[in-house]
Amino acid sequence: MPRHSEGWLKTINGRLYGYYVEYVLNPKTGQMEKQEKSLPLGPKSKIKMWEARVKLRRHIAEQTGPGSREENVTFGWFLEKRFIPAKEGHWREESTKATNLWLLDNHLKKAFGDTLLRDLNKFELQVWLNKQAKQYSDGVVKHCRHFLKAILEEAVDQEFITKNPARKLELPKNRREVDKTVLEWSDIWRVLSRLSGSEMDWLLFQVSMVDGLRPGEIIALRWSSLQPGRLLIKQTVYRGHLRDYGKTKKSATGVPIPQGLYKALLSWQGRCPDPSPDALIFPSSNGTHLNTSNYLNRVLYPIKRDLGLKKLNFQILRRSFTTRGQEFGSLKDLQGVLRHEKIDTTANEYAQVVDARVQELVERMYERLTMGGVKQAGGKLQ
């Protein structure tokens, strides 16, 4: 759809003309080109200025309204030429940007790339989203819905369409359940016992369970990161590349470390292959960063099979830390250790309900409630 201004008036040789600008898509170049157009309004002596403005605005509306939208503006063109250039500056350069571009290309562009913006409608978008829910994870479905709404809202803002057909898209209720597996204490102790044959693996598991670090943070730890009572998170590894920032603004900071674990790490430093300050605490056999996929296949997955566990990976260790940590601290405390920007992430994505604690809660509530009176027969209070 051509974009337009409200126009302006000019007097030429005693006659009044209206002018306005349209930005029209050139299908050969794929670019929007500026075109200035004019409208004769009649002798200036016979038309009032306000009447001329009204007439011009009506003409612009007729020329740029729904009946004359640019036929060649597709969802794919708008996504590549308008939405991504406007929004990618707000995406983190590596992780978020790469994930977003992959999702936009493999899901939204694949489904709607050749569809004209004006032909998109809520019904077809909702049907497509419902199908996505049967095939893909909860996270993918939520991101698809978010981007559809954002892209088409941007198209409205840029005046390519007049209404956002995705504005009222609903999340399907038949979405795949999010895996929220957590380890029981007995399972945690069994895993720790199986790792005791390798001091490095034994300590890596403890750091993960006690501080809930992300795998990219653990494998980037250097001996200079180890301070009395604290581990400094100065770098992270993402897809094999070292970076000097974390997943969120709060990630690159320090986390408290128990005195016992601090001493155990110092002891390991005295026996490890390279104890120098810049050396990695948990290196690969050749001294480089561990590959997390290889580590899972080589260390954690065999233990999972041997112990009959449902799942065992770094995400589950981080979630287990959060859930079991509720026994010793508040959600706010856990948010501080996990370094989530929003406490909702800690509460909804990581911390799971512990049945024993729920039972303890209602028992304590009942105990406090019944302190206000003396029980009579039949359970009544007086």
Protein backbone atom coordinates (compact mmCIF):
# COMPACT_ATOMS: atom_id res chain seq x y z
CA MET A 1 0.00 0.00 0.00
CA PRO A 2 1.43 3.43 -0.87
CA ARG A 3 2.28 5.60 2.07
CA HIS A 4 1.18 9.24 1.93
CA SER A 5 1.25 12.62 3.60
CA GLU A 6 -1.77 14.84 4.19
CA GLY A 7 -0.63 17.03 1.33
CA TRP A 8 -0.15 20.77 0.86
CA LEU A 9 -1.60 23.59 -1.23
CA LYS A 10 -0.02 25.85 -3.85
CA THR A 11 -1.33 28.77 -5.91
CA ILE A 12 -0.11 28.92 -9.52
CA ASN A 13 -1.37 31.63 -11.88
CA GLY A 14 -4.40 32.27 -9.74
CA ARG A 15 -5.39 28.61 -9.55
CA LEU A 16 -5.16 26.37 -6.47
CA TYR A 17 -3.46 22.98 -6.62
CA GLY A 18 -3.13 20.26 -4.03
CA TYR A 19 0.07 18.21 -3.77
CA TYR A 20 0.86 15.01 -1.91
CA VAL A 21 3.53 12.33 -1.79
CA GLU A 22 3.14 8.60 -2.27
CA TYR A 23 5.77 5.92 -1.65
CA VAL A 24 5.05 3.18 -4.15
CA LEU A 25 6.72 -0.21 -4.41
CA ASN A 26 8.75 -0.74 -7.58
CA PRO A 27 8.32 -4.49 -8.28
CA LYS A 28 11.53 -4.57 -10.36
CA THR A 29 13.84 -3.20 -7.65
CA GLY A 30 11.85 -4.23 -4.58
CA GLN A 31 12.28 -0.69 -3.22
CA MET A 32 9.77 1.98 -2.24
CA GLU A 33 10.04 5.02 -4.50
CA LYS A 34 8.82 8.53 -3.78
CA GLN A 35 6.30 10.04 -6.17
CA GLU A 36 4.89 13.57 -5.94
CA LYS A 37 1.37 13.97 -7.31
CA SER A 38 -0.87 16.98 -7.87
CA LEU A 39 -4.60 17.67 -7.95
CA PRO A 40 -6.17 20.77 -9.63
CA LEU A 41 -8.66 22.33 -7.20
CA GLY A 42 -9.94 25.28 -9.24
CA PRO A 43 -9.58 29.09 -9.25
CA LYS A 44 -8.40 30.39 -5.89
CA SER A 45 -11.11 33.08 -5.96
CA LYS A 46 -13.87 30.47 -6.05
CA ILE A 47 -12.77 28.01 -3.35
CA LYS A 48 -11.99 28.56 0.31
CA MET A 49 -8.77 27.19 1.74
CA TRP A 50 -10.51 24.86 4.20
CA GLU A 51 -12.65 23.50 1.38
CA ALA A 52 -9.53 22.90 -0.70
CA ARG A 53 -7.89 20.99 2.17
CA VAL A 54 -10.97 18.82 2.65
CA LYS A 55 -11.11 18.08 -1.07
CA LEU A 56 -7.42 17.18 -1.11
CA ARG A 57 -7.71 14.90 1.93
CA ARG A 58 -10.66 13.09 0.36
CA HIS A 59 -8.72 12.59 -2.85
CA ILE A 60 -5.73 11.21 -0.95
CA ALA A 61 -8.02 8.83 0.96
CA GLU A 62 -9.54 7.62 -2.31
CA GLN A 63 -6.14 7.07 -3.90
CA THR A 64 -4.50 5.38 -0.92
CA GLY A 65 -7.46 3.60 0.68
CA PRO A 66 -8.18 -0.13 0.80
CA GLY A 67 -9.27 -0.29 -2.81
CA SER A 68 -5.91 0.83 -4.18
CA ARG A 69 -3.33 -0.89 -1.99
CA GLU A 70 -0.11 -1.96 -3.62
CA GLU A 71 -0.79 -5.46 -4.95
CA ASN A 72 2.82 -6.63 -4.78
CA VAL A 73 3.58 -6.13 -1.07
CA THR A 74 3.99 -9.63 0.30
CA PHE A 75 4.55 -10.75 3.87
CA GLY A 76 8.04 -11.95 2.92
CA TRP A 77 9.02 -8.62 1.35
CA PHE A 78 7.79 -6.65 4.34
CA LEU A 79 9.54 -9.02 6.75
CA GLU A 80 12.92 -8.69 5.02
CA LYS A 81 12.79 -5.07 3.86
CA ARG A 82 10.86 -3.39 6.68
CA PHE A 83 10.44 -5.41 9.87
CA ILE A 84 13.86 -7.01 10.37
CA PRO A 85 15.86 -3.83 9.52
CA ALA A 86 13.71 -1.87 11.99
CA LYS A 87 13.90 -4.39 14.84
CA GLU A 88 17.18 -6.28 14.66
CA GLY A 89 19.06 -3.48 16.37
CA HIS A 90 17.21 -4.42 19.55
CA TRP A 91 18.23 -8.08 19.36
CA ARG A 92 21.41 -9.36 21.04
CA GLU A 93 24.00 -9.82 18.31
CA GLU A 94 24.60 -13.56 18.67
CA SER A 95 22.09 -15.66 20.58
CA THR A 96 18.78 -13.78 20.33
CA LYS A 97 19.37 -12.46 16.82
CA ALA A 98 20.35 -15.84 15.40
CA THR A 99 17.38 -17.56 17.05
CA ASN A 100 14.92 -14.92 15.90
CA LEU A 101 16.15 -14.93 12.31
CA TRP A 102 16.01 -18.73 12.18
CA LEU A 103 12.43 -18.77 13.51
CA LEU A 104 11.26 -16.00 11.18
CA ASP A 105 12.76 -17.72 8.15
CA ASN A 106 11.83 -21.34 8.92
CA HIS A 107 8.36 -20.78 10.28
CA LEU A 108 6.74 -17.46 9.34
CA LYS A 109 8.38 -16.74 6.00
CA LYS A 110 8.05 -20.37 4.98
CA ALA A 111 4.32 -20.26 5.70
CA PHE A 112 3.37 -16.74 4.57
CA GLY A 113 6.30 -15.38 2.55
CA ASP A 114 4.43 -15.23 -0.78
CA THR A 115 1.11 -14.11 0.71
CA LEU A 116 0.06 -10.51 0.10
CA LEU A 117 -0.26 -8.52 3.31
CA ARG A 118 -3.81 -7.51 2.40
CA ASP A 119 -4.82 -11.19 2.00
CA LEU A 120 -3.83 -12.25 5.53
CA ASN A 121 -6.77 -12.84 7.85
CA LYS A 122 -7.24 -13.90 11.46
CA PHE A 123 -8.97 -17.19 10.66
CA GLU A 124 -6.13 -18.57 8.51
CA LEU A 125 -3.48 -17.29 10.92
CA GLN A 126 -5.23 -18.96 13.85
CA VAL A 127 -5.63 -22.27 11.99
CA TRP A 128 -1.92 -22.22 11.12
CA LEU A 129 -0.95 -21.46 14.73
CA ASN A 130 -3.14 -24.33 15.95
CA LYS A 131 -1.29 -26.70 13.61
CA GLN A 132 2.04 -25.42 14.87
CA ALA A 133 1.00 -26.32 18.40
CA LYS A 134 0.65 -29.98 17.41
CA GLN A 135 4.13 -30.16 15.89
CA TYR A 136 6.38 -27.81 17.82
CA SER A 137 7.31 -26.86 21.36
CA ASP A 138 5.42 -24.42 23.52
CA GLY A 139 8.24 -21.89 23.12
CA VAL A 140 8.14 -21.99 19.31
CA VAL A 141 4.36 -21.50 19.26
CA LYS A 142 4.55 -18.54 21.63
CA HIS A 143 7.31 -16.93 19.57
CA CYS A 144 5.37 -17.44 16.32
CA ARG A 145 2.34 -15.73 17.81
CA HIS A 146 4.44 -12.89 19.19
CA PHE A 147 6.15 -12.24 15.86
CA LEU A 148 2.98 -12.45 13.79
CA LYS A 149 1.37 -9.80 15.98
CA ALA A 150 4.52 -7.63 15.99
CA ILE A 151 5.15 -7.85 12.23
CA LEU A 152 1.61 -7.02 11.24
CA GLU A 153 1.37 -4.25 13.83
CA GLU A 154 4.48 -2.76 12.29
CA ALA A 155 2.81 -3.04 8.88
CA VAL A 156 -0.11 -1.02 10.25
CA ASP A 157 2.25 1.59 11.71
CA GLN A 158 4.02 1.92 8.36
CA GLU A 159 0.63 2.20 6.63
CA PHE A 160 0.92 -0.91 4.47
CA ILE A 161 -2.32 -2.27 5.94
CA THR A 162 -5.06 -0.60 7.94
CA LYS A 163 -5.82 -3.41 10.40
CA ASN A 164 -3.71 -6.02 12.20
CA PRO A 165 -5.31 -9.44 11.52
CA ALA A 166 -3.09 -11.08 14.18
CA ARG A 167 -4.05 -8.69 16.99
CA LYS A 168 -6.46 -11.16 18.63
CA LEU A 169 -4.63 -14.40 17.87
CA GLU A 170 -5.05 -16.83 20.75
CA LEU A 171 -2.50 -19.32 22.04
CA PRO A 172 -3.82 -22.82 21.31
CA LYS A 173 -4.73 -24.74 24.45
CA ASN A 174 -3.49 -28.04 23.04
CA ARG A 175 0.14 -26.94 23.14
CA ARG A 176 2.77 -29.49 24.07
CA GLU A 177 3.44 -29.61 27.78
CA VAL A 178 6.68 -27.91 28.76
CA ASP A 179 9.14 -30.37 30.25
CA LYS A 180 9.57 -29.40 33.90
CA THR A 181 11.50 -32.43 35.13
CA VAL A 182 13.41 -31.88 38.37
CA LEU A 183 15.65 -34.23 40.33
CA GLU A 184 14.77 -35.48 43.79
CA TRP A 185 17.48 -35.15 46.41
CA SER A 186 17.98 -38.92 46.29
CA ASP A 187 18.62 -38.70 42.53
CA ILE A 188 21.00 -35.78 42.98
CA TRP A 189 23.04 -37.74 45.52
CA ARG A 190 23.12 -40.80 43.25
CA VAL A 191 24.43 -38.74 40.33
CA LEU A 192 27.02 -37.08 42.55
CA SER A 193 28.17 -40.48 43.76
CA ARG A 194 28.58 -41.76 40.19
CA LEU A 195 30.71 -38.70 39.34
CA SER A 196 33.09 -39.18 42.27
CA GLY A 197 35.55 -41.07 40.06
CA SER A 198 36.39 -37.83 38.21
CA GLU A 199 37.23 -34.88 40.42
CA MET A 200 36.60 -32.36 37.65
CA ASP A 201 33.17 -33.80 36.75
CA TRP A 202 32.30 -34.11 40.44
CA LEU A 203 33.09 -30.42 41.01
CA LEU A 204 31.40 -29.27 37.79
CA PHE A 205 28.17 -30.96 38.93
CA GLN A 206 28.42 -29.30 42.34
CA VAL A 207 28.92 -25.84 40.82
CA SER A 208 25.88 -26.42 38.61
CA MET A 209 23.69 -27.65 41.49
CA VAL A 210 24.79 -25.12 44.10
CA ASP A 211 24.81 -21.98 41.93
CA GLY A 212 22.52 -22.97 39.06
CA LEU A 213 24.96 -21.71 36.42
CA ARG A 214 24.20 -21.99 32.72
CA PRO A 215 26.45 -24.44 30.84
CA GLY A 216 27.99 -21.62 28.77
CA GLU A 217 28.96 -19.90 32.03
CA ILE A 218 30.44 -23.01 33.66
CA ILE A 219 32.70 -23.95 30.77
CA ALA A 220 34.00 -20.35 30.50
CA LEU A 221 35.09 -20.15 34.16
CA ARG A 222 38.80 -19.47 34.66
CA TRP A 223 40.85 -19.75 37.83
CA SER A 224 40.86 -15.95 38.00
CA SER A 225 37.06 -16.23 38.38
CA LEU A 226 37.46 -18.02 41.70
CA GLN A 227 37.42 -15.54 44.58
CA PRO A 228 36.90 -16.14 48.31
CA GLY A 229 33.19 -16.76 48.70
CA ARG A 230 32.41 -15.82 45.08
CA LEU A 231 32.58 -16.96 41.46
CA LEU A 232 32.92 -14.12 38.95
CA ILE A 233 30.98 -14.62 35.71
CA LYS A 234 33.12 -12.62 33.30
CA GLN A 235 32.68 -14.57 30.07
CA THR A 236 30.36 -17.12 28.47
CA VAL A 237 30.62 -19.59 25.61
CA TYR A 238 27.87 -19.66 22.99
CA ARG A 239 27.95 -22.14 20.11
CA GLY A 240 31.66 -22.61 20.56
CA HIS A 241 32.47 -18.89 20.61
CA LEU A 242 33.75 -17.03 23.65
CA ARG A 243 31.97 -13.77 24.40
CA ASP A 244 32.50 -11.08 27.00
CA TYR A 245 28.86 -10.81 28.01
CA GLY A 246 26.10 -13.07 29.26
CA LYS A 247 22.62 -14.07 28.23
CA THR A 248 21.05 -11.12 30.07
CA LYS A 249 22.32 -7.81 31.46
CA LYS A 250 22.45 -9.32 34.95
CA SER A 251 24.32 -12.44 33.85
CA ALA A 252 27.85 -11.02 33.82
CA THR A 253 28.33 -10.60 37.54
CA GLY A 254 29.31 -12.70 40.54
CA VAL A 255 27.53 -15.49 42.40
CA PRO A 256 28.14 -16.60 46.00
CA ILE A 257 29.91 -19.90 46.50
CA PRO A 258 29.85 -22.02 49.69
CA GLN A 259 33.06 -22.15 51.71
CA GLY A 260 33.28 -25.93 51.36
CA LEU A 261 33.00 -25.80 47.56
CA TYR A 262 35.51 -22.94 47.42
CA LYS A 263 38.06 -25.08 49.31
CA ALA A 264 37.34 -28.09 47.09
CA LEU A 265 37.97 -26.00 43.98
CA LEU A 266 41.21 -24.65 45.42
CA SER A 267 42.28 -28.23 46.10
CA TRP A 268 41.46 -29.16 42.48
CA GLN A 269 43.47 -26.17 41.27
CA GLY A 270 46.53 -27.63 42.95
CA ARG A 271 46.16 -30.90 41.01
CA CYS A 272 44.66 -29.79 37.68
CA PRO A 273 46.70 -29.73 34.43
CA ASP A 274 46.95 -25.92 34.33
CA PRO A 275 46.38 -23.84 37.51
CA SER A 276 47.36 -20.49 35.96
CA PRO A 277 44.88 -17.59 36.39
CA ASP A 278 43.82 -17.54 32.72
CA ALA A 279 43.40 -21.32 32.48
CA LEU A 280 39.92 -22.85 32.42
CA ILE A 281 38.64 -24.49 35.59
CA PHE A 282 36.80 -27.17 33.59
CA PRO A 283 38.79 -27.65 30.36
CA SER A 284 38.59 -30.31 27.69
CA SER A 285 41.37 -32.88 27.39
CA ASN A 286 43.35 -30.50 25.15
CA GLY A 287 42.82 -27.45 27.40
CA THR A 288 40.07 -25.75 25.35
CA HIS A 289 36.44 -25.09 26.24
CA LEU A 290 34.30 -28.16 26.81
CA ASN A 291 31.74 -28.91 24.11
CA THR A 292 28.48 -29.19 26.05
CA SER A 293 26.92 -31.66 23.60
CA ASN A 294 29.95 -33.93 23.84
CA TYR A 295 29.93 -33.61 27.63
CA LEU A 296 26.27 -34.64 27.80
CA ASN A 297 26.89 -37.67 25.57
CA ARG A 298 30.11 -38.68 27.31
CA VAL A 299 29.24 -38.03 30.98
CA LEU A 300 25.64 -37.22 31.88
CA TYR A 301 23.62 -39.35 29.44
CA PRO A 302 25.35 -42.65 30.41
CA ILE A 303 24.60 -41.87 34.07
CA LYS A 304 20.98 -41.09 33.18
CA ARG A 305 20.62 -44.50 31.52
CA ASP A 306 22.40 -46.40 34.28
CA LEU A 307 20.32 -44.80 37.05
CA GLY A 308 17.04 -44.99 35.14
CA LEU A 309 16.45 -41.24 35.25
CA LYS A 310 13.88 -39.65 32.94
CA LYS A 311 16.21 -36.83 31.87
CA LEU A 312 19.56 -35.41 32.90
CA ASN A 313 21.00 -32.28 31.30
CA PHE A 314 22.14 -28.80 32.29
CA GLN A 315 18.65 -27.31 32.00
CA ILE A 316 17.31 -29.89 34.45
CA LEU A 317 20.20 -29.25 36.84
CA ARG A 318 19.42 -25.52 36.79
CA ARG A 319 15.71 -26.20 37.30
CA SER A 320 16.45 -28.69 40.10
CA PHE A 321 18.64 -26.09 41.82
CA THR A 322 15.76 -23.60 41.69
CA THR A 323 13.13 -26.05 42.93
CA ARG A 324 15.20 -27.57 45.74
CA GLY A 325 16.51 -24.14 46.63
CA GLN A 326 13.01 -23.12 47.74
CA GLU A 327 13.69 -25.17 50.88
CA PHE A 328 16.38 -22.71 51.91
CA GLY A 329 15.53 -19.32 50.43
CA SER A 330 12.86 -17.13 48.85
CA LEU A 331 12.15 -16.74 45.14
CA LYS A 332 13.82 -13.34 45.36
CA ASP A 333 16.96 -15.01 46.73
CA LEU A 334 16.89 -17.57 43.93
CA GLN A 335 16.40 -14.85 41.34
CA GLY A 336 19.56 -13.21 42.65
CA VAL A 337 21.60 -16.40 42.25
CA LEU A 338 20.13 -17.28 38.85
CA ARG A 339 20.46 -13.64 37.73
CA HIS A 340 17.09 -13.55 35.98
CA GLU A 341 15.99 -10.06 34.97
CA LYS A 342 12.38 -10.89 35.91
CA ILE A 343 11.28 -12.88 38.93
CA ASP A 344 8.46 -14.33 36.80
CA THR A 345 11.08 -16.34 34.91
CA THR A 346 12.37 -17.79 38.18
CA ALA A 347 8.86 -18.58 39.43
CA ASN A 348 7.18 -19.85 36.27
CA GLU A 349 9.93 -21.44 34.20
CA TYR A 350 12.32 -22.88 36.79
CA ALA A 351 10.75 -23.28 40.24
CA GLN A 352 8.36 -26.22 40.45
CA VAL A 353 5.84 -27.03 43.19
CA VAL A 354 7.16 -29.35 45.90
CA ASP A 355 4.28 -31.41 47.33
CA ALA A 356 5.86 -31.78 50.75
CA ARG A 357 6.27 -28.02 51.08
CA VAL A 358 2.66 -27.43 50.00
CA GLN A 359 1.51 -29.90 52.67
CA GLU A 360 3.74 -28.20 55.22
CA LEU A 361 2.24 -24.83 54.26
CA VAL A 362 -1.37 -25.90 54.86
CA GLU A 363 -0.39 -27.69 58.10
CA ARG A 364 1.24 -24.51 59.40
CA MET A 365 -1.73 -22.40 58.30
CA TYR A 366 -4.10 -24.75 60.15
CA GLU A 367 -1.86 -24.72 63.21
CA ARG A 368 -1.84 -20.93 63.26
CA LEU A 369 -5.60 -20.75 62.57
CA THR A 370 -6.47 -23.01 65.49
CA MET A 371 -4.28 -21.06 67.89
CA GLY A 372 -7.11 -18.53 68.19
CA GLY A 373 -9.46 -20.74 70.19
CA VAL A 374 -9.91 -23.98 72.11
CA LYS A 375 -11.28 -27.01 70.27
CA GLN A 376 -14.64 -28.41 71.38
CA ALA A 377 -16.11 -31.77 70.51
CA GLY A 378 -16.87 -31.89 66.80
CA GLY A 379 -13.90 -29.66 66.02
CA LYS A 380 -15.61 -26.36 66.89
CA LEU A 381 -13.76 -23.50 68.49
CA GLN A 382 -14.81 -21.38 71.43
